[in-house]
Each structure stands twice: as C-alpha cells, then as structure tokens.
Amino acid sequence: MLDIGFAELIVIAVVGLIVLGPEKLPVVTRTVGTLLGRAQRYVSDVKNDISRQMELEELRKMQSSMETMGRDMQTSLTEATSDLEGIAKNTAADVNDSFSDGAFESSAYASSAFKSGLHIGAGRRTWTEEQADERLRARIQTRLRRRYMKKKPRYGDE
C-alpha cells in the first residue's frame, strides 16, 4: 500500500501529538485503527465475493459440459443398443431360416451331439479340438492315478 518507514511514523506521531494534543491523540488513533480494520475487512469481503462468483461461473461451465457429454453418451448408447437389437433379429431370422430349410436333420444331429457329449444346438467340433480334449482327459487321468497310488499303498506294498 504505502511505503511508510519507521522514521515517517515517528514524524507523523510527533505532528499528531503537537496538533491534537495528548488528550485527543489516543482517541483519534483508536478511531483510525477501527476504520482501517473495517476497510481491510470490506476489501477482503469484496475479494472473496469476486472469487466465489468466478468459481460459480466455472462450476456452471463444467456442469453444462458434463450435461452435453451425458447427452452424447446416452445417444451413442441408444444407437448401439438399436444396432445390437438389429443384429440379434437378423441372427435369429437366419437361424430360423436354416432350421426351416432342413439344413439340420434333427435326429442325425441329435445323435451326433449325444455321442460327442454336446448339447443340442451346439456347433460341431473339429478333429483337432476333439484330439486336444482326449489328450487333456488322458493327462488328468494319469495324474489322478499317480496321486491315488501315492496316498493309498496297496496291501503288501508297504
């Protein structure tokens, strides 16, 4: 604010003492102090109000941008669900057409599905998939046999 040093304060105090006198000087200094305090509080309140208004404007801008993002997200989700529903309808129509054309004979397909252990309606498995499953079953059986033999010895093998 003001660049007043200690020397200037002493000069002001001496001039005030001479002009006002020793009786009125303490009263005037208290009054000036309270007025300066009120002015500082008023300035700080104005600064706080301005900063609150700026923050409020930023929050409003952020809220509007979030609302637009939400609307955009909602429209993209509705478009995606409608696309997926269309795909599902097309797939269901294709499956119904293939069954109505007689592409799958139910008795032959069902018997092959029961033989391979698949449920009805599942796709047929390739030879490599069946071979991989057989190898996995064989490995599991050998491991179980080894564990069983380790845990329970036979009679007379002790």
C-alpha atoms as a PDB file:
ATOM      1  CA  MET A   1       0.000   0.000   0.000  1.00  0.00           C
ATOM      2  CA  LEU A   2       2.034   2.904   1.289  1.00  0.00           C
ATOM      3  CA  ASP A   3       5.746   2.766   1.790  1.00  0.00           C
ATOM      4  CA  ILE A   4       5.987   4.323   5.221  1.00  0.00           C
ATOM      5  CA  GLY A   5       9.040   3.539   7.283  1.00  0.00           C
ATOM      6  CA  PHE A   6       9.647   3.815  10.996  1.00  0.00           C
ATOM      7  CA  ALA A   7      11.074   7.324  10.723  1.00  0.00           C
ATOM      8  CA  GLU A   8       7.979   8.603   8.896  1.00  0.00           C
ATOM      9  CA  LEU A   9       5.729   7.054  11.560  1.00  0.00           C
ATOM     10  CA  ILE A  10       7.620   8.886  14.308  1.00  0.00           C
ATOM     11  CA  VAL A  11       7.304  12.185  12.420  1.00  0.00           C
ATOM     12  CA  ILE A  12       3.538  11.630  11.952  1.00  0.00           C
ATOM     13  CA  ALA A  13       3.154  10.746  15.654  1.00  0.00           C
ATOM     14  CA  VAL A  14       5.018  13.892  16.768  1.00  0.00           C
ATOM     15  CA  VAL A  15       2.970  16.117  14.423  1.00  0.00           C
ATOM     16  CA  GLY A  16      -0.247  14.471  15.637  1.00  0.00           C
ATOM     17  CA  LEU A  17       0.788  14.950  19.247  1.00  0.00           C
ATOM     18  CA  ILE A  18       1.507  18.618  18.632  1.00  0.00           C
ATOM     19  CA  VAL A  19      -1.664  19.286  16.601  1.00  0.00           C
ATOM     20  CA  LEU A  20      -4.177  17.144  18.540  1.00  0.00           C
ATOM     21  CA  GLY A  21      -2.662  17.182  21.958  1.00  0.00           C
ATOM     22  CA  PRO A  22      -2.105  14.358  24.424  1.00  0.00           C
ATOM     23  CA  GLU A  23      -5.791  14.032  25.404  1.00  0.00           C
ATOM     24  CA  LYS A  24      -7.268  13.515  21.940  1.00  0.00           C
ATOM     25  CA  LEU A  25      -4.427  11.545  20.297  1.00  0.00           C
ATOM     26  CA  PRO A  26      -5.324   8.095  21.784  1.00  0.00           C
ATOM     27  CA  VAL A  27      -8.978   8.531  20.832  1.00  0.00           C
ATOM     28  CA  VAL A  28      -8.097   9.519  17.265  1.00  0.00           C
ATOM     29  CA  THR A  29      -5.634   6.635  16.872  1.00  0.00           C
ATOM     30  CA  ARG A  30      -8.262   4.106  18.051  1.00  0.00           C
ATOM     31  CA  THR A  31     -10.809   5.568  15.641  1.00  0.00           C
ATOM     32  CA  VAL A  32      -8.340   5.491  12.744  1.00  0.00           C
ATOM     33  CA  GLY A  33      -7.382   1.881  13.636  1.00  0.00           C
ATOM     34  CA  THR A  34     -11.013   0.718  13.672  1.00  0.00           C
ATOM     35  CA  LEU A  35     -11.707   2.480  10.371  1.00  0.00           C
ATOM     36  CA  LEU A  36      -8.651   0.864   8.754  1.00  0.00           C
ATOM     37  CA  GLY A  37      -9.729  -2.536  10.101  1.00  0.00           C
ATOM     38  CA  ARG A  38     -13.218  -2.097   8.653  1.00  0.00           C
ATOM     39  CA  ALA A  39     -11.745  -1.040   5.310  1.00  0.00           C
ATOM     40  CA  GLN A  40      -9.491  -4.110   5.228  1.00  0.00           C
ATOM     41  CA  ARG A  41     -12.421  -6.416   6.079  1.00  0.00           C
ATOM     42  CA  TYR A  42     -14.531  -4.770   3.369  1.00  0.00           C
ATOM     43  CA  VAL A  43     -11.775  -5.233   0.777  1.00  0.00           C
ATOM     44  CA  SER A  44     -11.281  -8.876   1.766  1.00  0.00           C
ATOM     45  CA  ASP A  45     -15.068  -9.493   1.597  1.00  0.00           C
ATOM     46  CA  VAL A  46     -15.175  -7.994  -1.905  1.00  0.00           C
ATOM     47  CA  LYS A  47     -12.231 -10.190  -2.968  1.00  0.00           C
ATOM     48  CA  ASN A  48     -13.955 -13.284  -1.552  1.00  0.00           C
ATOM     49  CA  ASP A  49     -17.214 -12.432  -3.330  1.00  0.00           C
ATOM     50  CA  ILE A  50     -15.404 -11.995  -6.632  1.00  0.00           C
ATOM     51  CA  SER A  51     -13.559 -15.313  -6.237  1.00  0.00           C
ATOM     52  CA  ARG A  52     -16.830 -17.088  -5.337  1.00  0.00           C
ATOM     53  CA  GLN A  53     -18.508 -15.654  -8.434  1.00  0.00           C
ATOM     54  CA  MET A  54     -15.608 -16.822 -10.604  1.00  0.00           C
ATOM     55  CA  GLU A  55     -15.756 -20.321  -9.083  1.00  0.00           C
ATOM     56  CA  LEU A  56     -19.519 -20.387  -9.561  1.00  0.00           C
ATOM     57  CA  GLU A  57     -19.131 -19.497 -13.245  1.00  0.00           C
ATOM     58  CA  GLU A  58     -16.508 -22.234 -13.659  1.00  0.00           C
ATOM     59  CA  LEU A  59     -18.817 -24.751 -11.987  1.00  0.00           C
ATOM     60  CA  ARG A  60     -21.688 -23.735 -14.267  1.00  0.00           C
ATOM     61  CA  LYS A  61     -19.479 -24.177 -17.332  1.00  0.00           C
ATOM     62  CA  MET A  62     -18.352 -27.574 -16.049  1.00  0.00           C
ATOM     63  CA  GLN A  63     -21.947 -28.601 -15.352  1.00  0.00           C
ATOM     64  CA  SER A  64     -23.057 -27.662 -18.857  1.00  0.00           C
ATOM     65  CA  SER A  65     -20.140 -29.547 -20.419  1.00  0.00           C
ATOM     66  CA  MET A  66     -20.958 -32.622 -18.300  1.00  0.00           C
ATOM     67  CA  GLU A  67     -24.609 -32.435 -19.328  1.00  0.00           C
ATOM     68  CA  THR A  68     -23.671 -32.307 -23.013  1.00  0.00           C
ATOM     69  CA  MET A  69     -21.284 -35.228 -22.527  1.00  0.00           C
ATOM     70  CA  GLY A  70     -24.058 -37.174 -20.797  1.00  0.00           C
ATOM     71  CA  ARG A  71     -26.473 -36.489 -23.645  1.00  0.00           C
ATOM     72  CA  ASP A  72     -23.880 -37.553 -26.206  1.00  0.00           C
ATOM     73  CA  MET A  73     -23.181 -40.739 -24.245  1.00  0.00           C
ATOM     74  CA  GLN A  74     -26.875 -41.512 -23.954  1.00  0.00           C
ATOM     75  CA  THR A  75     -27.444 -41.077 -27.693  1.00  0.00           C
ATOM     76  CA  SER A  76     -24.451 -43.275 -28.507  1.00  0.00           C
ATOM     77  CA  LEU A  77     -25.743 -45.952 -26.121  1.00  0.00           C
ATOM     78  CA  THR A  78     -29.208 -45.889 -27.645  1.00  0.00           C
ATOM     79  CA  GLU A  79     -27.679 -46.167 -31.126  1.00  0.00           C
ATOM     80  CA  ALA A  80     -25.511 -49.092 -30.001  1.00  0.00           C
ATOM     81  CA  THR A  81     -28.465 -50.917 -28.418  1.00  0.00           C
ATOM     82  CA  SER A  82     -30.574 -50.429 -31.527  1.00  0.00           C
ATOM     83  CA  ASP A  83     -27.703 -51.766 -33.665  1.00  0.00           C
ATOM     84  CA  LEU A  84     -27.333 -54.785 -31.386  1.00  0.00           C
ATOM     85  CA  GLU A  85     -31.066 -55.434 -31.454  1.00  0.00           C
ATOM     86  CA  GLY A  86     -30.974 -55.353 -35.257  1.00  0.00           C
ATOM     87  CA  ILE A  87     -28.076 -57.810 -35.310  1.00  0.00           C
ATOM     88  CA  ALA A  88     -29.896 -60.103 -32.893  1.00  0.00           C
ATOM     89  CA  LYS A  89     -33.049 -60.023 -35.026  1.00  0.00           C
ATOM     90  CA  ASN A  90     -31.071 -60.783 -38.187  1.00  0.00           C
ATOM     91  CA  THR A  91     -29.252 -63.652 -36.492  1.00  0.00           C
ATOM     92  CA  ALA A  92     -32.487 -65.110 -35.147  1.00  0.00           C
ATOM     93  CA  ALA A  93     -34.047 -64.862 -38.603  1.00  0.00           C
ATOM     94  CA  ASP A  94     -31.019 -66.600 -40.170  1.00  0.00           C
ATOM     95  CA  VAL A  95     -31.152 -69.414 -37.625  1.00  0.00           C
ATOM     96  CA  ASN A  96     -34.889 -69.871 -38.129  1.00  0.00           C
ATOM     97  CA  ASP A  97     -34.397 -69.928 -41.902  1.00  0.00           C
ATOM     98  CA  SER A  98     -31.642 -72.539 -41.666  1.00  0.00           C
ATOM     99  CA  PHE A  99     -33.775 -74.811 -39.497  1.00  0.00           C
ATOM    100  CA  SER A 100     -36.833 -74.348 -41.695  1.00  0.00           C
ATOM    101  CA  ASP A 101     -34.795 -75.153 -44.857  1.00  0.00           C
ATOM    102  CA  GLY A 102     -33.883 -78.550 -43.405  1.00  0.00           C
ATOM    103  CA  ALA A 103     -30.178 -77.828 -43.199  1.00  0.00           C
ATOM    104  CA  PHE A 104     -30.028 -79.758 -39.936  1.00  0.00           C
ATOM    105  CA  GLU A 105     -31.779 -83.058 -39.660  1.00  0.00           C
ATOM    106  CA  SER A 106     -32.820 -83.229 -36.081  1.00  0.00           C
ATOM    107  CA  SER A 107     -32.358 -86.969 -35.485  1.00  0.00           C
ATOM    108  CA  ALA A 108     -28.886 -87.231 -37.050  1.00  0.00           C
ATOM    109  CA  TYR A 109     -27.731 -84.023 -35.437  1.00  0.00           C
ATOM    110  CA  ALA A 110     -29.086 -85.020 -32.040  1.00  0.00           C
ATOM    111  CA  SER A 111     -27.466 -88.448 -32.132  1.00  0.00           C
ATOM    112  CA  SER A 112     -24.067 -86.980 -33.061  1.00  0.00           C
ATOM    113  CA  ALA A 113     -24.428 -84.371 -30.305  1.00  0.00           C
ATOM    114  CA  PHE A 114     -25.250 -87.005 -27.680  1.00  0.00           C
ATOM    115  CA  LYS A 115     -22.325 -89.166 -28.799  1.00  0.00           C
ATOM    116  CA  SER A 116     -19.817 -86.348 -28.559  1.00  0.00           C
ATOM    117  CA  GLY A 117     -21.228 -85.121 -25.238  1.00  0.00           C
ATOM    118  CA  LEU A 118     -22.505 -81.809 -26.590  1.00  0.00           C
ATOM    119  CA  HIS A 119     -25.915 -80.314 -26.032  1.00  0.00           C
ATOM    120  CA  ILE A 120     -28.370 -79.988 -28.863  1.00  0.00           C
ATOM    121  CA  GLY A 121     -27.937 -76.779 -30.794  1.00  0.00           C
ATOM    122  CA  ALA A 122     -24.181 -76.539 -30.303  1.00  0.00           C
ATOM    123  CA  GLY A 123     -21.872 -76.395 -33.308  1.00  0.00           C
ATOM    124  CA  ARG A 124     -19.898 -79.440 -34.403  1.00  0.00           C
ATOM    125  CA  ARG A 125     -16.354 -79.706 -33.148  1.00  0.00           C
ATOM    126  CA  THR A 126     -13.305 -80.094 -35.325  1.00  0.00           C
ATOM    127  CA  TRP A 127     -10.971 -83.074 -35.237  1.00  0.00           C
ATOM    128  CA  THR A 128      -8.173 -81.065 -33.578  1.00  0.00           C
ATOM    129  CA  GLU A 129     -10.483 -79.896 -30.795  1.00  0.00           C
ATOM    130  CA  GLU A 130     -11.580 -83.458 -30.091  1.00  0.00           C
ATOM    131  CA  GLN A 131      -7.972 -84.692 -30.074  1.00  0.00           C
ATOM    132  CA  ALA A 132      -6.926 -81.916 -27.685  1.00  0.00           C
ATOM    133  CA  ASP A 133      -9.766 -82.832 -25.302  1.00  0.00           C
ATOM    134  CA  GLU A 134      -8.786 -86.512 -25.408  1.00  0.00           C
ATOM    135  CA  ARG A 135      -5.149 -85.675 -24.586  1.00  0.00           C
ATOM    136  CA  LEU A 136      -6.274 -83.458 -21.705  1.00  0.00           C
ATOM    137  CA  ARG A 137      -8.510 -86.205 -20.305  1.00  0.00           C
ATOM    138  CA  ALA A 138      -5.634 -88.699 -20.530  1.00  0.00           C
ATOM    139  CA  ARG A 139      -3.256 -86.354 -18.667  1.00  0.00           C
ATOM    140  CA  ILE A 140      -5.809 -85.731 -15.925  1.00  0.00           C
ATOM    141  CA  GLN A 141      -6.439 -89.472 -15.526  1.00  0.00           C
ATOM    142  CA  THR A 142      -2.721 -90.256 -15.215  1.00  0.00           C
ATOM    143  CA  ARG A 143      -2.230 -87.506 -12.626  1.00  0.00           C
ATOM    144  CA  LEU A 144      -5.183 -88.759 -10.604  1.00  0.00           C
ATOM    145  CA  ARG A 145      -3.842 -92.313 -10.751  1.00  0.00           C
ATOM    146  CA  ARG A 146      -0.427 -91.150  -9.529  1.00  0.00           C
ATOM    147  CA  ARG A 147      -1.972 -89.242  -6.621  1.00  0.00           C
ATOM    148  CA  TYR A 148      -4.161 -92.154  -5.707  1.00  0.00           C
ATOM    149  CA  MET A 149      -1.213 -94.511  -5.745  1.00  0.00           C
ATOM    150  CA  LYS A 150       0.861 -92.149  -3.556  1.00  0.00           C
ATOM    151  CA  LYS A 151      -1.846 -91.674  -0.964  1.00  0.00           C
ATOM    152  CA  LYS A 152      -3.048 -95.252  -0.554  1.00  0.00           C
ATOM    153  CA  PRO A 153      -0.480 -98.016  -0.901  1.00  0.00           C
ATOM    154  CA  ARG A 154      -1.716-101.440  -1.850  1.00  0.00           C
ATOM    155  CA  TYR A 155      -1.729-104.333   0.567  1.00  0.00           C
ATOM    156  CA  GLY A 156       1.640-105.927   0.748  1.00  0.00           C
ATOM    157  CA  ASP A 157       3.457-102.978  -0.881  1.00  0.00           C
ATOM    158  CA  GLU A 158       4.492-101.457   2.451  1.00  0.00           C
END
